[in-house]
Amino acid sequence: MASTRLDQLCRSVLPPGFKKISQLGPRIQSFLEQNLPQPINQNVTLLSITEEHIVIAANSPVMANYLRLHAAEIQQQLRETFNLDQEVKFRSLPESLLHVGSQYKIPQPDPVSAKSIDAIERSANWIEDEDLKSALLSLAQSLKKA
């Protein structure tokens, strides 16, 4: 058993003020959603807060540039509301990476044609390795059912 407890190990690598910063994250995200104009407020996500920077991501370069144009006002509002002096930076990220909770739907593959299934069966009959031959025949059978 290790001599150092896991919580002590984790505390040793966390940045200073981690607890305060981690509690601010959801509040700042909510603040952005409530105070930025539509549709920008639905297309931004707080990426990180460090001692030096607050990084906000937008789902397109156009949105990120709009935010950069208003960086001074946004930084002032964050300073007044949360007493934060960090520099605000803006990034552009694709929609799929911007919203963590969103699930990407993998499209269903196209069905395998009867000609392809027959070709797999014919090829399997030429194979001498019995394990490989049975695997290919099993594949062909499962494709017929699908």
Protein backbone atom coordinates (compact mmCIF):
# COMPACT_ATOMS: atom_id res chain seq x y z
CA MET A 1 0.00 0.00 0.00
CA ALA A 2 1.28 3.45 -0.87
CA SER A 3 2.54 5.64 1.92
CA THR A 4 0.98 8.79 0.42
CA ARG A 5 -2.79 8.99 0.47
CA LEU A 6 -4.53 9.73 -2.79
CA ASP A 7 -6.11 12.97 -1.56
CA GLN A 8 -2.70 14.28 -0.47
CA LEU A 9 -1.25 13.38 -3.85
CA CYS A 10 -4.07 15.19 -5.67
CA ARG A 11 -3.73 18.27 -3.49
CA SER A 12 -0.02 18.46 -4.29
CA VAL A 13 -0.67 18.84 -8.03
CA LEU A 14 -3.68 21.17 -7.95
CA PRO A 15 -3.03 24.81 -8.79
CA PRO A 16 -3.37 27.41 -6.05
CA GLY A 17 -6.94 28.50 -5.47
CA PHE A 18 -8.36 25.47 -7.31
CA LYS A 19 -11.40 25.14 -5.04
CA LYS A 20 -12.40 28.78 -5.51
CA ILE A 21 -11.79 28.65 -9.26
CA SER A 22 -13.71 25.38 -9.73
CA GLN A 23 -16.70 26.84 -7.88
CA LEU A 24 -16.63 29.96 -10.07
CA GLY A 25 -16.83 28.01 -13.33
CA PRO A 26 -20.58 27.25 -13.38
CA ARG A 27 -21.40 30.73 -12.08
CA ILE A 28 -19.39 32.41 -14.85
CA GLN A 29 -20.96 30.14 -17.49
CA SER A 30 -24.41 31.10 -16.22
CA PHE A 31 -23.40 34.77 -16.21
CA LEU A 32 -22.30 34.55 -19.86
CA GLU A 33 -25.53 32.85 -20.89
CA GLN A 34 -27.64 35.46 -19.10
CA ASN A 35 -25.74 38.59 -20.15
CA LEU A 36 -24.55 38.03 -23.71
CA PRO A 37 -27.05 38.79 -26.48
CA GLN A 38 -28.92 36.10 -28.41
CA PRO A 39 -27.71 33.93 -30.23
CA ILE A 40 -24.17 34.46 -28.94
CA ASN A 41 -25.05 33.41 -25.41
CA GLN A 42 -25.98 29.91 -26.61
CA ASN A 43 -22.73 29.53 -28.55
CA VAL A 44 -20.12 30.20 -25.86
CA THR A 45 -18.59 28.02 -23.19
CA LEU A 46 -16.17 28.80 -20.40
CA LEU A 47 -13.09 26.65 -21.11
CA SER A 48 -10.79 27.44 -18.22
CA ILE A 49 -9.93 29.80 -15.41
CA THR A 50 -6.38 30.16 -14.20
CA GLU A 51 -4.60 32.72 -12.07
CA GLU A 52 -3.69 34.61 -15.28
CA HIS A 53 -6.49 33.96 -17.80
CA ILE A 54 -10.16 33.27 -18.29
CA VAL A 55 -10.62 31.41 -21.58
CA ILE A 56 -14.01 31.50 -23.30
CA ALA A 57 -14.74 29.44 -26.42
CA ALA A 58 -17.19 30.23 -29.19
CA ASN A 59 -18.52 27.80 -31.78
CA SER A 60 -17.23 29.78 -34.76
CA PRO A 61 -14.48 32.25 -35.59
CA VAL A 62 -17.13 34.91 -36.27
CA MET A 63 -18.54 34.55 -32.75
CA ALA A 64 -15.03 34.52 -31.23
CA ASN A 65 -14.16 37.73 -33.10
CA TYR A 66 -17.37 39.39 -31.92
CA LEU A 67 -16.40 38.53 -28.36
CA ARG A 68 -12.87 39.86 -28.92
CA LEU A 69 -14.34 43.18 -30.08
CA HIS A 70 -16.14 43.42 -26.74
CA ALA A 71 -13.37 41.90 -24.62
CA ALA A 72 -12.85 45.04 -22.53
CA GLU A 73 -16.54 45.23 -21.60
CA ILE A 74 -16.75 41.50 -20.84
CA GLN A 75 -13.61 41.66 -18.70
CA GLN A 76 -14.97 44.70 -16.83
CA GLN A 77 -18.28 42.93 -16.13
CA LEU A 78 -16.44 39.84 -14.85
CA ARG A 79 -14.25 42.06 -12.67
CA GLU A 80 -17.25 43.86 -11.18
CA THR A 81 -19.40 40.77 -10.74
CA PHE A 82 -16.84 38.19 -9.57
CA ASN A 83 -13.91 40.36 -8.48
CA LEU A 84 -11.64 38.72 -11.08
CA ASP A 85 -8.58 40.44 -12.54
CA GLN A 86 -7.57 37.76 -15.04
CA GLU A 87 -7.17 38.62 -18.72
CA VAL A 88 -10.05 37.29 -20.84
CA LYS A 89 -9.11 35.31 -23.95
CA PHE A 90 -11.36 33.91 -26.64
CA ARG A 91 -11.01 30.75 -28.70
CA SER A 92 -12.93 29.19 -31.52
CA LEU A 93 -13.93 25.52 -31.21
CA PRO A 94 -16.24 23.36 -33.35
CA GLU A 95 -19.76 22.84 -32.02
CA SER A 96 -19.07 19.15 -31.34
CA LEU A 97 -16.29 20.04 -28.90
CA LEU A 98 -17.90 23.10 -27.43
CA HIS A 99 -20.78 21.43 -25.60
CA VAL A 100 -19.51 18.55 -23.53
CA GLY A 101 -22.94 17.06 -22.93
CA SER A 102 -23.84 16.80 -26.57
CA GLN A 103 -23.59 13.35 -28.09
CA TYR A 104 -22.42 12.83 -31.63
CA LYS A 105 -24.65 10.33 -33.41
CA ILE A 106 -22.71 7.81 -35.46
CA PRO A 107 -24.56 7.12 -38.70
CA GLN A 108 -25.62 3.57 -39.40
CA PRO A 109 -23.49 1.82 -42.00
CA ASP A 110 -24.98 1.08 -45.39
CA PRO A 111 -26.39 -2.46 -45.68
CA VAL A 112 -24.10 -5.05 -47.22
CA SER A 113 -25.34 -6.18 -50.63
CA ALA A 114 -26.26 -9.79 -51.37
CA LYS A 115 -23.46 -9.87 -53.96
CA SER A 116 -20.90 -8.94 -51.31
CA ILE A 117 -22.22 -11.59 -48.91
CA ASP A 118 -21.99 -14.23 -51.66
CA ALA A 119 -18.44 -13.13 -52.43
CA ILE A 120 -17.48 -13.55 -48.75
CA GLU A 121 -18.94 -17.08 -48.74
CA ARG A 122 -17.19 -18.03 -52.00
CA SER A 123 -13.88 -16.67 -50.71
CA ALA A 124 -14.27 -18.53 -47.42
CA ASN A 125 -14.57 -21.84 -49.29
CA TRP A 126 -11.10 -21.33 -50.77
CA ILE A 127 -9.42 -20.78 -47.39
CA GLU A 128 -7.58 -23.74 -45.88
CA ASP A 129 -7.35 -22.34 -42.32
CA GLU A 130 -10.47 -23.73 -40.68
CA ASP A 131 -10.70 -21.01 -38.01
CA LEU A 132 -10.55 -18.23 -40.59
CA LYS A 133 -12.94 -20.09 -42.88
CA SER A 134 -15.53 -20.53 -40.11
CA ALA A 135 -15.14 -16.87 -39.07
CA LEU A 136 -15.84 -15.68 -42.62
CA LEU A 137 -18.83 -18.01 -42.99
CA SER A 138 -20.17 -16.79 -39.65
CA LEU A 139 -19.72 -13.19 -40.83
CA ALA A 140 -21.63 -13.94 -44.02
CA GLN A 141 -24.47 -15.52 -42.02
CA SER A 142 -24.70 -12.57 -39.64
CA LEU A 143 -24.77 -10.15 -42.59
CA LYS A 144 -27.64 -12.08 -44.14
CA LYS A 145 -29.67 -11.61 -40.93
CA ALA A 146 -29.01 -7.88 -40.78
